[in-house]
Protein backbone atom coordinates (compact mmCIF):
# COMPACT_ATOMS: atom_id res chain seq x y z
CA UNK A 1 0.00 0.00 0.00
CA UNK A 2 2.90 2.36 0.77
CA UNK A 3 4.29 1.77 -2.71
CA UNK A 4 0.95 2.67 -4.30
CA UNK A 5 0.71 5.89 -2.27
CA UNK A 6 4.29 6.80 -3.20
CA UNK A 7 3.54 6.10 -6.87
CA UNK A 8 0.52 8.41 -6.96
CA UNK A 9 2.38 11.06 -4.97
CA UNK A 10 5.20 10.96 -7.54
CA UNK A 11 2.75 11.23 -10.45
CA UNK A 12 0.96 14.14 -8.77
CA UNK A 13 4.20 15.97 -8.10
CA UNK A 14 5.40 15.38 -11.66
CA UNK A 15 2.17 16.72 -13.17
CA UNK A 16 2.17 19.71 -10.84
CA UNK A 17 5.71 20.66 -11.82
CA UNK A 18 5.00 20.14 -15.54
CA UNK A 19 1.80 22.21 -15.49
CA UNK A 20 3.45 24.96 -13.46
CA UNK A 21 6.46 25.24 -15.75
CA UNK A 22 4.47 25.13 -19.00
CA UNK A 23 1.41 27.22 -18.05
CA UNK A 24 2.86 29.92 -15.77
CA UNK A 25 5.05 31.69 -18.39
CA UNK A 26 2.12 31.79 -20.81
CA UNK A 27 -0.10 33.34 -18.15
CA UNK A 28 2.68 35.80 -17.35
CA UNK A 29 2.68 36.84 -21.01
CA UNK A 30 -1.07 37.43 -20.73
CA UNK A 31 -0.59 39.53 -17.61
CA UNK A 32 2.16 41.62 -19.18
CA UNK A 33 0.36 42.26 -22.46
CA UNK A 34 -3.22 42.30 -21.20
CA UNK A 35 -4.27 40.13 -24.13
CA UNK A 36 -5.66 36.59 -23.74
CA UNK A 37 -4.59 35.89 -27.31
CA UNK A 38 -0.99 35.73 -26.05
CA UNK A 39 -1.87 32.54 -24.16
CA UNK A 40 -3.00 30.77 -27.32
CA UNK A 41 -0.04 32.20 -29.23
CA UNK A 42 2.29 30.56 -26.72
CA UNK A 43 0.39 27.28 -26.55
CA UNK A 44 0.10 27.00 -30.35
CA UNK A 45 3.83 27.52 -30.77
CA UNK A 46 5.61 24.19 -31.04
CA UNK A 47 8.89 25.79 -29.99
CA UNK A 48 7.39 27.17 -26.77
CA UNK A 49 5.78 23.89 -25.73
CA UNK A 50 8.87 21.84 -26.63
CA UNK A 51 11.23 24.23 -24.85
CA UNK A 52 9.11 24.45 -21.74
CA UNK A 53 8.61 20.68 -21.72
CA UNK A 54 12.40 20.30 -21.70
CA UNK A 55 12.69 22.78 -18.82
CA UNK A 56 9.94 20.88 -16.97
CA UNK A 57 11.79 17.60 -17.52
CA UNK A 58 14.98 19.07 -16.07
CA UNK A 59 13.06 20.48 -13.11
CA UNK A 60 11.38 17.13 -12.44
CA UNK A 61 14.68 15.26 -12.64
CA UNK A 62 16.32 17.73 -10.26
CA UNK A 63 13.38 17.41 -7.86
CA UNK A 64 13.57 13.61 -7.86
CA UNK A 65 17.35 13.65 -7.41
CA UNK A 66 17.21 16.09 -4.51
CA UNK A 67 14.22 14.37 -2.91
CA UNK A 68 15.98 11.01 -2.89
CA UNK A 69 19.15 12.64 -1.54
CA UNK A 70 17.45 14.45 1.33
CA UNK A 71 14.65 11.97 2.15
CA UNK A 72 16.48 8.72 1.55
């Protein structure tokens, strides 16, 4: 049962990091420009999504590495 809880906790953390890293900069662009169209411009751009997905992957890997180092 502990393994199942740890599995779902890891999936939840991974999704939270991914969503935060991909969505937050697009929403920041909306806030800075005042135009909701900027959100769709970012999300429709393959370069933006690919680049932010790479950043999210690095963030997730760093989180897992540091979590295992500090929490055993």
